[in-house]
Amino acid sequence: MATMNVSLPDTMREWVDGQVKSGVYANASDYVRDLIRKDQRQRELINLALMEGEQSGVSQRKVGDIVKAAKAQLSGA
């Protein structure tokens, strides 16, 4: 396993230390590895969503209609 040194502001280091003290993570490296895994999964999901969107074809709706529908969905209407 490779070693990497990372500099963090004090507030971020305190956050990492708090995550370790919570007992969820064995040490700071375990926490950072978990963050990286989550980022990798998120990027994979975004790429899959983009590919799905590309494969879905061209929408017959106008941009304004799509925006209006998205805003209505976000507002719970």
PDB file of N, CA and C in Angstrom:
ATOM      1  N   MET A   1       0.854  -1.175   0.000  1.00  0.00           N
ATOM      2  CA  MET A   1       0.000   0.000   0.000  1.00  0.00           C
ATOM      3  C   MET A   1       0.900   1.238   0.000  1.00  0.00           C
ATOM      4  N   ALA A   2       0.545   2.205  -0.811  1.00  0.00           N
ATOM      5  CA  ALA A   2       1.321   3.441  -0.920  1.00  0.00           C
ATOM      6  C   ALA A   2       1.006   4.380   0.241  1.00  0.00           C
ATOM      7  N   THR A   3       1.930   5.257   0.529  1.00  0.00           N
ATOM      8  CA  THR A   3       1.755   6.265   1.572  1.00  0.00           C
ATOM      9  C   THR A   3       1.624   7.633   0.926  1.00  0.00           C
ATOM     10  N   MET A   4       0.717   8.462   1.485  1.00  0.00           N
ATOM     11  CA  MET A   4       0.519   9.817   0.979  1.00  0.00           C
ATOM     12  C   MET A   4       0.383  10.745   2.169  1.00  0.00           C
ATOM     13  N   ASN A   5       1.110  11.820   2.152  1.00  0.00           N
ATOM     14  CA  ASN A   5       0.997  12.825   3.207  1.00  0.00           C
ATOM     15  C   ASN A   5       0.096  13.945   2.720  1.00  0.00           C
ATOM     16  N   VAL A   6      -0.838  14.353   3.563  1.00  0.00           N
ATOM     17  CA  VAL A   6      -1.795  15.399   3.204  1.00  0.00           C
ATOM     18  C   VAL A   6      -1.790  16.451   4.301  1.00  0.00           C
ATOM     19  N   SER A   7      -1.735  17.712   3.911  1.00  0.00           N
ATOM     20  CA  SER A   7      -1.818  18.818   4.870  1.00  0.00           C
ATOM     21  C   SER A   7      -3.262  19.297   4.955  1.00  0.00           C
ATOM     22  N   LEU A   8      -3.741  19.485   6.165  1.00  0.00           N
ATOM     23  CA  LEU A   8      -5.116  19.933   6.394  1.00  0.00           C
ATOM     24  C   LEU A   8      -5.115  21.132   7.335  1.00  0.00           C
ATOM     25  N   PRO A   9      -6.074  22.035   7.153  1.00  0.00           N
ATOM     26  CA  PRO A   9      -6.249  23.087   8.157  1.00  0.00           C
ATOM     27  C   PRO A   9      -6.647  22.438   9.490  1.00  0.00           C
ATOM     28  N   ASP A  10      -6.389  23.133  10.579  1.00  0.00           N
ATOM     29  CA  ASP A  10      -6.685  22.587  11.904  1.00  0.00           C
ATOM     30  C   ASP A  10      -8.139  22.131  12.038  1.00  0.00           C
ATOM     31  N   THR A  11      -9.067  22.913  11.500  1.00  0.00           N
ATOM     32  CA  THR A  11     -10.484  22.559  11.656  1.00  0.00           C
ATOM     33  C   THR A  11     -10.810  21.237  10.951  1.00  0.00           C
ATOM     34  N   MET A  12     -10.185  21.011   9.796  1.00  0.00           N
ATOM     35  CA  MET A  12     -10.423  19.747   9.097  1.00  0.00           C
ATOM     36  C   MET A  12      -9.779  18.582   9.840  1.00  0.00           C
ATOM     37  N   ARG A  13      -8.602  18.796  10.365  1.00  0.00           N
ATOM     38  CA  ARG A  13      -7.935  17.744  11.140  1.00  0.00           C
ATOM     39  C   ARG A  13      -8.767  17.390  12.362  1.00  0.00           C
ATOM     40  N   GLU A  14      -9.340  18.389  13.013  1.00  0.00           N
ATOM     41  CA  GLU A  14     -10.202  18.141  14.169  1.00  0.00           C
ATOM     42  C   GLU A  14     -11.424  17.327  13.757  1.00  0.00           C
ATOM     43  N   TRP A  15     -11.967  17.620  12.582  1.00  0.00           N
ATOM     44  CA  TRP A  15     -13.121  16.867  12.077  1.00  0.00           C
ATOM     45  C   TRP A  15     -12.743  15.398  11.872  1.00  0.00           C
ATOM     46  N   VAL A  16     -11.614  15.167  11.215  1.00  0.00           N
ATOM     47  CA  VAL A  16     -11.152  13.802  10.977  1.00  0.00           C
ATOM     48  C   VAL A  16     -10.938  13.091  12.309  1.00  0.00           C
ATOM     49  N   ASP A  17     -10.286  13.735  13.235  1.00  0.00           N
ATOM     50  CA  ASP A  17     -10.059  13.151  14.555  1.00  0.00           C
ATOM     51  C   ASP A  17     -11.383  12.795  15.236  1.00  0.00           C
ATOM     52  N   GLY A  18     -12.366  13.663  15.086  1.00  0.00           N
ATOM     53  CA  GLY A  18     -13.691  13.396  15.661  1.00  0.00           C
ATOM     54  C   GLY A  18     -14.344  12.173  15.044  1.00  0.00           C
ATOM     55  N   GLN A  19     -14.171  12.001  13.730  1.00  0.00           N
ATOM     56  CA  GLN A  19     -14.732  10.831  13.059  1.00  0.00           C
ATOM     57  C   GLN A  19     -14.074   9.551  13.578  1.00  0.00           C
ATOM     58  N   VAL A  20     -12.784   9.619  13.807  1.00  0.00           N
ATOM     59  CA  VAL A  20     -12.055   8.457  14.332  1.00  0.00           C
ATOM     60  C   VAL A  20     -12.493   8.177  15.771  1.00  0.00           C
ATOM     61  N   LYS A  21     -12.605   9.227  16.582  1.00  0.00           N
ATOM     62  CA  LYS A  21     -13.009   9.056  17.983  1.00  0.00           C
ATOM     63  C   LYS A  21     -14.431   8.515  18.107  1.00  0.00           C
ATOM     64  N   SER A  22     -15.259   8.748  17.088  1.00  0.00           N
ATOM     65  CA  SER A  22     -16.636   8.246  17.130  1.00  0.00           C
ATOM     66  C   SER A  22     -16.677   6.717  17.095  1.00  0.00           C
ATOM     67  N   GLY A  23     -15.570   6.117  16.675  1.00  0.00           N
ATOM     68  CA  GLY A  23     -15.502   4.662  16.629  1.00  0.00           C
ATOM     69  C   GLY A  23     -15.887   4.056  15.303  1.00  0.00           C
ATOM     70  N   VAL A  24     -16.357   4.882  14.385  1.00  0.00           N
ATOM     71  CA  VAL A  24     -16.751   4.370  13.070  1.00  0.00           C
ATOM     72  C   VAL A  24     -15.516   4.005  12.247  1.00  0.00           C
ATOM     73  N   TYR A  25     -14.447   4.760  12.431  1.00  0.00           N
ATOM     74  CA  TYR A  25     -13.219   4.544  11.668  1.00  0.00           C
ATOM     75  C   TYR A  25     -12.085   4.184  12.613  1.00  0.00           C
ATOM     76  N   ALA A  26     -11.215   3.296  12.149  1.00  0.00           N
ATOM     77  CA  ALA A  26     -10.083   2.856  12.963  1.00  0.00           C
ATOM     78  C   ALA A  26      -9.022   3.937  13.101  1.00  0.00           C
ATOM     79  N   ASN A  27      -8.851   4.737  12.050  1.00  0.00           N
ATOM     80  CA  ASN A  27      -7.832   5.789  12.045  1.00  0.00           C
ATOM     81  C   ASN A  27      -8.133   6.760  10.905  1.00  0.00           C
ATOM     82  N   ALA A  28      -7.323   7.796  10.783  1.00  0.00           N
ATOM     83  CA  ALA A  28      -7.552   8.829   9.756  1.00  0.00           C
ATOM     84  C   ALA A  28      -7.465   8.236   8.352  1.00  0.00           C
ATOM     85  N   SER A  29      -6.556   7.308   8.138  1.00  0.00           N
ATOM     86  CA  SER A  29      -6.421   6.693   6.813  1.00  0.00           C
ATOM     87  C   SER A  29      -7.686   5.938   6.435  1.00  0.00           C
ATOM     88  N   ASP A  30      -8.294   5.257   7.396  1.00  0.00           N
ATOM     89  CA  ASP A  30      -9.535   4.523   7.149  1.00  0.00           C
ATOM     90  C   ASP A  30     -10.637   5.493   6.727  1.00  0.00           C
ATOM     91  N   TYR A  31     -10.699   6.641   7.390  1.00  0.00           N
ATOM     92  CA  TYR A  31     -11.705   7.658   7.061  1.00  0.00           C
ATOM     93  C   TYR A  31     -11.481   8.200   5.649  1.00  0.00           C
ATOM     94  N   VAL A  32     -10.255   8.522   5.300  1.00  0.00           N
ATOM     95  CA  VAL A  32      -9.947   9.063   3.976  1.00  0.00           C
ATOM     96  C   VAL A  32     -10.248   8.025   2.893  1.00  0.00           C
ATOM     97  N   ARG A  33      -9.895   6.767   3.138  1.00  0.00           N
ATOM     98  CA  ARG A  33     -10.203   5.713   2.157  1.00  0.00           C
ATOM     99  C   ARG A  33     -11.707   5.604   1.935  1.00  0.00           C
ATOM    100  N   ASP A  34     -12.488   5.732   3.011  1.00  0.00           N
ATOM    101  CA  ASP A  34     -13.944   5.674   2.878  1.00  0.00           C
ATOM    102  C   ASP A  34     -14.463   6.848   2.054  1.00  0.00           C
ATOM    103  N   LEU A  35     -13.926   8.041   2.286  1.00  0.00           N
ATOM    104  CA  LEU A  35     -14.327   9.209   1.486  1.00  0.00           C
ATOM    105  C   LEU A  35     -14.026   8.993   0.005  1.00  0.00           C
ATOM    106  N   ILE A  36     -12.868   8.433  -0.280  1.00  0.00           N
ATOM    107  CA  ILE A  36     -12.489   8.195  -1.674  1.00  0.00           C
ATOM    108  C   ILE A  36     -13.416   7.163  -2.305  1.00  0.00           C
ATOM    109  N   ARG A  37     -13.728   6.085  -1.588  1.00  0.00           N
ATOM    110  CA  ARG A  37     -14.650   5.072  -2.120  1.00  0.00           C
ATOM    111  C   ARG A  37     -16.009   5.685  -2.426  1.00  0.00           C
ATOM    112  N   LYS A  38     -16.509   6.526  -1.523  1.00  0.00           N
ATOM    113  CA  LYS A  38     -17.801   7.186  -1.742  1.00  0.00           C
ATOM    114  C   LYS A  38     -17.747   8.086  -2.963  1.00  0.00           C
ATOM    115  N   ASP A  39     -16.657   8.813  -3.129  1.00  0.00           N
ATOM    116  CA  ASP A  39     -16.497   9.690  -4.293  1.00  0.00           C
ATOM    117  C   ASP A  39     -16.454   8.868  -5.579  1.00  0.00           C
ATOM    118  N   GLN A  40     -15.762   7.751  -5.541  1.00  0.00           N
ATOM    119  CA  GLN A  40     -15.691   6.892  -6.730  1.00  0.00           C
ATOM    120  C   GLN A  40     -17.080   6.365  -7.097  1.00  0.00           C
ATOM    121  N   ARG A  41     -17.849   5.922  -6.091  1.00  0.00           N
ATOM    122  CA  ARG A  41     -19.212   5.424  -6.360  1.00  0.00           C
ATOM    123  C   ARG A  41     -20.093   6.531  -6.914  1.00  0.00           C
ATOM    124  N   GLN A  42     -19.972   7.736  -6.342  1.00  0.00           N
ATOM    125  CA  GLN A  42     -20.798   8.852  -6.812  1.00  0.00           C
ATOM    126  C   GLN A  42     -20.479   9.176  -8.275  1.00  0.00           C
ATOM    127  N   ARG A  43     -19.210   9.214  -8.615  1.00  0.00           N
ATOM    128  CA  ARG A  43     -18.818   9.498 -10.002  1.00  0.00           C
ATOM    129  C   ARG A  43     -19.307   8.414 -10.943  1.00  0.00           C
ATOM    130  N   GLU A  44     -19.261   7.164 -10.492  1.00  0.00           N
ATOM    131  CA  GLU A  44     -19.753   6.064 -11.318  1.00  0.00           C
ATOM    132  C   GLU A  44     -21.249   6.210 -11.563  1.00  0.00           C
ATOM    133  N   LEU A  45     -21.993   6.572 -10.526  1.00  0.00           N
ATOM    134  CA  LEU A  45     -23.433   6.769 -10.683  1.00  0.00           C
ATOM    135  C   LEU A  45     -23.740   7.926 -11.624  1.00  0.00           C
ATOM    136  N   ILE A  46     -22.965   8.990 -11.532  1.00  0.00           N
ATOM    137  CA  ILE A  46     -23.162  10.128 -12.444  1.00  0.00           C
ATOM    138  C   ILE A  46     -22.884   9.704 -13.877  1.00  0.00           C
ATOM    139  N   ASN A  47     -21.802   8.977 -14.086  1.00  0.00           N
ATOM    140  CA  ASN A  47     -21.485   8.509 -15.440  1.00  0.00           C
ATOM    141  C   ASN A  47     -22.578   7.603 -15.985  1.00  0.00           C
ATOM    142  N   LEU A  48     -23.108   6.711 -15.155  1.00  0.00           N
ATOM    143  CA  LEU A  48     -24.193   5.831 -15.595  1.00  0.00           C
ATOM    144  C   LEU A  48     -25.442   6.638 -15.955  1.00  0.00           C
ATOM    145  N   ALA A  49     -25.744   7.656 -15.137  1.00  0.00           N
ATOM    146  CA  ALA A  49     -26.908   8.502 -15.415  1.00  0.00           C
ATOM    147  C   ALA A  49     -26.722   9.272 -16.719  1.00  0.00           C
ATOM    148  N   LEU A  50     -25.507   9.749 -16.971  1.00  0.00           N
ATOM    149  CA  LEU A  50     -25.238  10.466 -18.216  1.00  0.00           C
ATOM    150  C   LEU A  50     -25.381   9.543 -19.422  1.00  0.00           C
ATOM    151  N   MET A  51     -24.868   8.333 -19.301  1.00  0.00           N
ATOM    152  CA  MET A  51     -25.002   7.374 -20.408  1.00  0.00           C
ATOM    153  C   MET A  51     -26.467   7.030 -20.651  1.00  0.00           C
ATOM    154  N   GLU A  52     -27.219   6.845 -19.563  1.00  0.00           N
ATOM    155  CA  GLU A  52     -28.645   6.553 -19.700  1.00  0.00           C
ATOM    156  C   GLU A  52     -29.359   7.708 -20.387  1.00  0.00           C
ATOM    157  N   GLY A  53     -29.004   8.922 -20.007  1.00  0.00           N
ATOM    158  CA  GLY A  53     -29.609  10.088 -20.640  1.00  0.00           C
ATOM    159  C   GLY A  53     -29.286  10.172 -22.111  1.00  0.00           C
ATOM    160  N   GLU A  54     -28.033   9.894 -22.473  1.00  0.00           N
ATOM    161  CA  GLU A  54     -27.647   9.920 -23.883  1.00  0.00           C
ATOM    162  C   GLU A  54     -28.396   8.861 -24.686  1.00  0.00           C
ATOM    163  N   GLN A  55     -28.605   7.706 -24.089  1.00  0.00           N
ATOM    164  CA  GLN A  55     -29.260   6.608 -24.791  1.00  0.00           C
ATOM    165  C   GLN A  55     -30.775   6.765 -24.866  1.00  0.00           C
ATOM    166  N   SER A  56     -31.322   7.680 -24.063  1.00  0.00           N
ATOM    167  CA  SER A  56     -32.776   7.837 -24.038  1.00  0.00           C
ATOM    168  C   SER A  56     -33.311   8.587 -25.248  1.00  0.00           C
ATOM    169  N   GLY A  57     -32.431   9.199 -25.995  1.00  0.00           N
ATOM    170  CA  GLY A  57     -32.865   9.895 -27.202  1.00  0.00           C
ATOM    171  C   GLY A  57     -33.160  11.365 -26.957  1.00  0.00           C
ATOM    172  N   VAL A  58     -33.731  11.990 -27.955  1.00  0.00           N
ATOM    173  CA  VAL A  58     -34.020  13.419 -27.917  1.00  0.00           C
ATOM    174  C   VAL A  58     -35.431  13.628 -27.387  1.00  0.00           C
ATOM    175  N   SER A  59     -35.561  14.536 -26.441  1.00  0.00           N
ATOM    176  CA  SER A  59     -36.866  14.838 -25.867  1.00  0.00           C
ATOM    177  C   SER A  59     -37.698  15.651 -26.837  1.00  0.00           C
ATOM    178  N   GLN A  60     -38.981  15.420 -26.829  1.00  0.00           N
ATOM    179  CA  GLN A  60     -39.903  16.197 -27.651  1.00  0.00           C
ATOM    180  C   GLN A  60     -40.371  17.464 -26.911  1.00  0.00           C
ATOM    181  N   ARG A  61     -40.016  17.566 -25.623  1.00  0.00           N
ATOM    182  CA  ARG A  61     -40.431  18.724 -24.834  1.00  0.00           C
ATOM    183  C   ARG A  61     -39.482  19.895 -25.075  1.00  0.00           C
ATOM    184  N   LYS A  62     -39.987  21.089 -24.859  1.00  0.00           N
ATOM    185  CA  LYS A  62     -39.169  22.291 -24.956  1.00  0.00           C
ATOM    186  C   LYS A  62     -38.420  22.479 -23.637  1.00  0.00           C
ATOM    187  N   VAL A  63     -37.297  23.184 -23.698  1.00  0.00           N
ATOM    188  CA  VAL A  63     -36.460  23.406 -22.523  1.00  0.00           C
ATOM    189  C   VAL A  63     -37.270  24.056 -21.403  1.00  0.00           C
ATOM    190  N   GLY A  64     -38.069  25.046 -21.733  1.00  0.00           N
ATOM    191  CA  GLY A  64     -38.890  25.728 -20.726  1.00  0.00           C
ATOM    192  C   GLY A  64     -39.829  24.775 -20.013  1.00  0.00           C
ATOM    193  N   ASP A  65     -40.409  23.830 -20.755  1.00  0.00           N
ATOM    194  CA  ASP A  65     -41.307  22.847 -20.153  1.00  0.00           C
ATOM    195  C   ASP A  65     -40.547  21.911 -19.211  1.00  0.00           C
ATOM    196  N   ILE A  66     -39.334  21.544 -19.587  1.00  0.00           N
ATOM    197  CA  ILE A  66     -38.519  20.673 -18.739  1.00  0.00           C
ATOM    198  C   ILE A  66     -38.152  21.396 -17.450  1.00  0.00           C
ATOM    199  N   VAL A  67     -37.763  22.657 -17.567  1.00  0.00           N
ATOM    200  CA  VAL A  67     -37.403  23.452 -16.385  1.00  0.00           C
ATOM    201  C   VAL A  67     -38.609  23.611 -15.473  1.00  0.00           C
ATOM    202  N   LYS A  68     -39.755  23.913 -16.049  1.00  0.00           N
ATOM    203  CA  LYS A  68     -40.977  24.090 -15.263  1.00  0.00           C
ATOM    204  C   LYS A  68     -41.320  22.800 -14.517  1.00  0.00           C
ATOM    205  N   ALA A  69     -41.224  21.666 -15.181  1.00  0.00           N
ATOM    206  CA  ALA A  69     -41.525  20.381 -14.548  1.00  0.00           C
ATOM    207  C   ALA A  69     -40.530  20.075 -13.430  1.00  0.00           C
ATOM    208  N   ALA A  70     -39.256  20.391 -13.656  1.00  0.00           N
ATOM    209  CA  ALA A  70     -38.229  20.145 -12.630  1.00  0.00           C
ATOM    210  C   ALA A  70     -38.482  21.014 -11.409  1.00  0.00           C
ATOM    211  N   LYS A  71     -38.815  22.279 -11.627  1.00  0.00           N
ATOM    212  CA  LYS A  71     -39.101  23.177 -10.497  1.00  0.00           C
ATOM    213  C   LYS A  71     -40.319  22.698  -9.719  1.00  0.00           C
ATOM    214  N   ALA A  72     -41.348  22.246 -10.435  1.00  0.00           N
ATOM    215  CA  ALA A  72     -42.555  21.739  -9.769  1.00  0.00           C
ATOM    216  C   ALA A  72     -42.219  20.499  -8.951  1.00  0.00           C
ATOM    217  N   GLN A  73     -41.385  19.639  -9.478  1.00  0.00           N
ATOM    218  CA  GLN A  73     -40.998  18.417  -8.765  1.00  0.00           C
ATOM    219  C   GLN A  73     -40.194  18.768  -7.501  1.00  0.00           C
ATOM    220  N   LEU A  74     -39.301  19.736  -7.614  1.00  0.00           N
ATOM    221  CA  LEU A  74     -38.486  20.133  -6.468  1.00  0.00           C
ATOM    222  C   LEU A  74     -39.314  20.809  -5.377  1.00  0.00           C
ATOM    223  N   SER A  75     -40.336  21.534  -5.783  1.00  0.00           N
ATOM    224  CA  SER A  75     -41.170  22.235  -4.796  1.00  0.00           C
ATOM    225  C   SER A  75     -42.243  21.327  -4.205  1.00  0.00           C
ATOM    226  N   GLY A  76     -42.354  20.103  -4.728  1.00  0.00           N
ATOM    227  CA  GLY A  76     -43.320  19.152  -4.190  1.00  0.00           C
ATOM    228  C   GLY A  76     -44.710  19.315  -4.766  1.00  0.00           C
ATOM    229  N   ALA A  77     -44.828  20.121  -5.803  1.00  0.00           N
ATOM    230  CA  ALA A  77     -46.150  20.346  -6.401  1.00  0.00           C
ATOM    231  C   ALA A  77     -46.588  19.195  -7.257  1.00  0.00           C
TER     232      ALA A  77
END
